[in-house]
């Protein structure tokens, strides 16, 4: 992964894709990551 390490980012939490996808592409990996972070 290029860029800032997670502990030096302005974002609280983020996921970097393994492939170069379009900006708004929702992948199965991204959806699972997002759903895991939603409150119960």
PDB file of N, CA and C in Angstrom:
ATOM      1  N   UNK A   1       0.845  -1.184   0.000  1.00  0.00           N
ATOM      2  CA  UNK A   1       0.000   0.000   0.000  1.00  0.00           C
ATOM      3  C   UNK A   1       0.879   1.231   0.000  1.00  0.00           C
ATOM      4  N   UNK A   2       0.530   2.190  -0.827  1.00  0.00           N
ATOM      5  CA  UNK A   2       1.262   3.444  -0.860  1.00  0.00           C
ATOM      6  C   UNK A   2       0.512   4.486  -0.048  1.00  0.00           C
ATOM      7  N   UNK A   3       1.213   5.521   0.354  1.00  0.00           N
ATOM      8  CA  UNK A   3       0.571   6.598   1.093  1.00  0.00           C
ATOM      9  C   UNK A   3       0.823   6.491   2.580  1.00  0.00           C
ATOM     10  N   UNK A   4       0.055   7.230   3.329  1.00  0.00           N
ATOM     11  CA  UNK A   4       0.226   7.285   4.777  1.00  0.00           C
ATOM     12  C   UNK A   4      -0.205   5.989   5.449  1.00  0.00           C
ATOM     13  N   UNK A   5       0.519   5.575   6.496  1.00  0.00           N
ATOM     14  CA  UNK A   5       0.051   4.440   7.298  1.00  0.00           C
ATOM     15  C   UNK A   5      -1.269   4.809   7.978  1.00  0.00           C
ATOM     16  N   UNK A   6      -2.115   3.813   8.295  1.00  0.00           N
ATOM     17  CA  UNK A   6      -3.426   4.108   8.899  1.00  0.00           C
ATOM     18  C   UNK A   6      -3.359   5.005  10.136  1.00  0.00           C
ATOM     19  N   UNK A   7      -2.324   4.864  10.956  1.00  0.00           N
ATOM     20  CA  UNK A   7      -2.248   5.689  12.169  1.00  0.00           C
ATOM     21  C   UNK A   7      -1.822   7.126  11.891  1.00  0.00           C
ATOM     22  N   UNK A   8      -1.488   7.450  10.642  1.00  0.00           N
ATOM     23  CA  UNK A   8      -1.113   8.810  10.275  1.00  0.00           C
ATOM     24  C   UNK A   8      -2.098   9.447   9.298  1.00  0.00           C
ATOM     25  N   UNK A   9      -3.249   8.823   9.101  1.00  0.00           N
ATOM     26  CA  UNK A   9      -4.251   9.319   8.164  1.00  0.00           C
ATOM     27  C   UNK A   9      -5.247  10.229   8.867  1.00  0.00           C
ATOM     28  N   UNK A  10      -5.863  11.130   8.098  1.00  0.00           N
ATOM     29  CA  UNK A  10      -6.930  11.975   8.636  1.00  0.00           C
ATOM     30  C   UNK A  10      -8.249  11.227   8.743  1.00  0.00           C
ATOM     31  N   UNK A  11      -8.332  10.054   8.153  1.00  0.00           N
ATOM     32  CA  UNK A  11      -9.550   9.246   8.203  1.00  0.00           C
ATOM     33  C   UNK A  11      -9.498   8.320   9.415  1.00  0.00           C
ATOM     34  N   UNK A  12     -10.671   8.045  10.010  1.00  0.00           N
ATOM     35  CA  UNK A  12     -10.729   7.131  11.149  1.00  0.00           C
ATOM     36  C   UNK A  12     -10.481   5.693  10.721  1.00  0.00           C
ATOM     37  N   UNK A  13     -10.991   5.310   9.569  1.00  0.00           N
ATOM     38  CA  UNK A  13     -10.897   3.938   9.092  1.00  0.00           C
ATOM     39  C   UNK A  13     -11.029   3.947   7.580  1.00  0.00           C
ATOM     40  N   UNK A  14     -10.256   3.144   6.898  1.00  0.00           N
ATOM     41  CA  UNK A  14     -10.349   3.083   5.452  1.00  0.00           C
ATOM     42  C   UNK A  14      -9.876   1.736   4.947  1.00  0.00           C
ATOM     43  N   UNK A  15     -10.251   1.422   3.728  1.00  0.00           N
ATOM     44  CA  UNK A  15      -9.869   0.178   3.069  1.00  0.00           C
ATOM     45  C   UNK A  15      -9.281   0.529   1.713  1.00  0.00           C
ATOM     46  N   UNK A  16      -8.123  -0.033   1.401  1.00  0.00           N
ATOM     47  CA  UNK A  16      -7.514   0.146   0.079  1.00  0.00           C
ATOM     48  C   UNK A  16      -7.830  -1.079  -0.768  1.00  0.00           C
ATOM     49  N   UNK A  17      -8.303  -0.862  -1.966  1.00  0.00           N
ATOM     50  CA  UNK A  17      -8.648  -1.954  -2.869  1.00  0.00           C
ATOM     51  C   UNK A  17      -7.384  -2.641  -3.374  1.00  0.00           C
ATOM     52  N   UNK A  18      -7.523  -3.916  -3.692  1.00  0.00           N
ATOM     53  CA  UNK A  18      -6.409  -4.671  -4.257  1.00  0.00           C
ATOM     54  C   UNK A  18      -6.288  -4.451  -5.761  1.00  0.00           C
ATOM     55  N   UNK A  19      -7.353  -3.980  -6.385  1.00  0.00           N
ATOM     56  CA  UNK A  19      -7.352  -3.717  -7.821  1.00  0.00           C
ATOM     57  C   UNK A  19      -7.641  -2.237  -8.048  1.00  0.00           C
ATOM     58  N   UNK A  20      -7.300  -1.741  -9.202  1.00  0.00           N
ATOM     59  CA  UNK A  20      -7.549  -0.348  -9.551  1.00  0.00           C
ATOM     60  C   UNK A  20      -8.959  -0.234 -10.127  1.00  0.00           C
ATOM     61  N   UNK A  21      -9.935   0.011  -9.249  1.00  0.00           N
ATOM     62  CA  UNK A  21     -11.342   0.130  -9.645  1.00  0.00           C
ATOM     63  C   UNK A  21     -11.732   1.594  -9.788  1.00  0.00           C
ATOM     64  N   UNK A  22     -12.858   1.826 -10.432  1.00  0.00           N
ATOM     65  CA  UNK A  22     -13.396   3.175 -10.511  1.00  0.00           C
ATOM     66  C   UNK A  22     -13.712   3.721  -9.119  1.00  0.00           C
ATOM     67  N   UNK A  23     -13.822   5.026  -9.008  1.00  0.00           N
ATOM     68  CA  UNK A  23     -13.982   5.687  -7.714  1.00  0.00           C
ATOM     69  C   UNK A  23     -15.204   5.198  -6.927  1.00  0.00           C
ATOM     70  N   UNK A  24     -16.306   4.939  -7.586  1.00  0.00           N
ATOM     71  CA  UNK A  24     -17.527   4.572  -6.857  1.00  0.00           C
ATOM     72  C   UNK A  24     -17.921   3.109  -7.034  1.00  0.00           C
ATOM     73  N   UNK A  25     -17.008   2.261  -7.475  1.00  0.00           N
ATOM     74  CA  UNK A  25     -17.308   0.837  -7.659  1.00  0.00           C
ATOM     75  C   UNK A  25     -17.472   0.160  -6.298  1.00  0.00           C
ATOM     76  N   UNK A  26     -18.609  -0.520  -6.115  1.00  0.00           N
ATOM     77  CA  UNK A  26     -18.841  -1.260  -4.870  1.00  0.00           C
ATOM     78  C   UNK A  26     -18.491  -2.720  -5.117  1.00  0.00           C
ATOM     79  N   UNK A  27     -17.432  -3.176  -4.489  1.00  0.00           N
ATOM     80  CA  UNK A  27     -17.002  -4.562  -4.623  1.00  0.00           C
ATOM     81  C   UNK A  27     -17.536  -5.382  -3.459  1.00  0.00           C
ATOM     82  N   UNK A  28     -17.494  -6.694  -3.594  1.00  0.00           N
ATOM     83  CA  UNK A  28     -17.922  -7.570  -2.502  1.00  0.00           C
ATOM     84  C   UNK A  28     -17.046  -7.328  -1.268  1.00  0.00           C
ATOM     85  N   UNK A  29     -15.759  -7.171  -1.484  1.00  0.00           N
ATOM     86  CA  UNK A  29     -14.834  -6.899  -0.377  1.00  0.00           C
ATOM     87  C   UNK A  29     -15.183  -5.574   0.315  1.00  0.00           C
ATOM     88  N   UNK A  30     -15.427  -4.535  -0.464  1.00  0.00           N
ATOM     89  CA  UNK A  30     -15.763  -3.225   0.101  1.00  0.00           C
ATOM     90  C   UNK A  30     -17.093  -3.239   0.833  1.00  0.00           C
ATOM     91  N   UNK A  31     -18.071  -3.934   0.283  1.00  0.00           N
ATOM     92  CA  UNK A  31     -19.386  -4.017   0.930  1.00  0.00           C
ATOM     93  C   UNK A  31     -19.288  -4.747   2.261  1.00  0.00           C
ATOM     94  N   UNK A  32     -18.551  -5.846   2.305  1.00  0.00           N
ATOM     95  CA  UNK A  32     -18.388  -6.603   3.552  1.00  0.00           C
ATOM     96  C   UNK A  32     -17.677  -5.744   4.590  1.00  0.00           C
ATOM     97  N   UNK A  33     -16.655  -5.019   4.170  1.00  0.00           N
ATOM     98  CA  UNK A  33     -15.909  -4.146   5.079  1.00  0.00           C
ATOM     99  C   UNK A  33     -16.834  -3.066   5.658  1.00  0.00           C
ATOM    100  N   UNK A  34     -17.640  -2.459   4.791  1.00  0.00           N
ATOM    101  CA  UNK A  34     -18.558  -1.405   5.224  1.00  0.00           C
ATOM    102  C   UNK A  34     -19.630  -1.948   6.169  1.00  0.00           C
ATOM    103  N   UNK A  35     -20.242  -3.069   5.825  1.00  0.00           N
ATOM    104  CA  UNK A  35     -21.292  -3.651   6.662  1.00  0.00           C
ATOM    105  C   UNK A  35     -20.773  -4.052   8.036  1.00  0.00           C
ATOM    106  N   UNK A  36     -19.523  -4.477   8.121  1.00  0.00           N
ATOM    107  CA  UNK A  36     -18.919  -4.834   9.404  1.00  0.00           C
ATOM    108  C   UNK A  36     -18.763  -3.631  10.323  1.00  0.00           C
ATOM    109  N   UNK A  37     -18.794  -2.427   9.760  1.00  0.00           N
ATOM    110  CA  UNK A  37     -18.585  -1.216  10.562  1.00  0.00           C
ATOM    111  C   UNK A  37     -19.887  -0.498  10.937  1.00  0.00           C
ATOM    112  N   UNK A  38     -21.012  -0.956  10.426  1.00  0.00           N
ATOM    113  CA  UNK A  38     -22.284  -0.345  10.773  1.00  0.00           C
ATOM    114  C   UNK A  38     -22.694  -0.739  12.193  1.00  0.00           C
ATOM    115  N   UNK A  39     -23.315   0.177  12.915  1.00  0.00           N
ATOM    116  CA  UNK A  39     -23.776  -0.181  14.275  1.00  0.00           C
ATOM    117  C   UNK A  39     -24.894  -1.221  14.226  1.00  0.00           C
ATOM    118  N   UNK A  40     -24.979  -1.984  15.275  1.00  0.00           N
ATOM    119  CA  UNK A  40     -26.045  -3.014  15.366  1.00  0.00           C
ATOM    120  C   UNK A  40     -27.400  -2.414  15.595  1.00  0.00           C
TER     121      UNK A  40
END
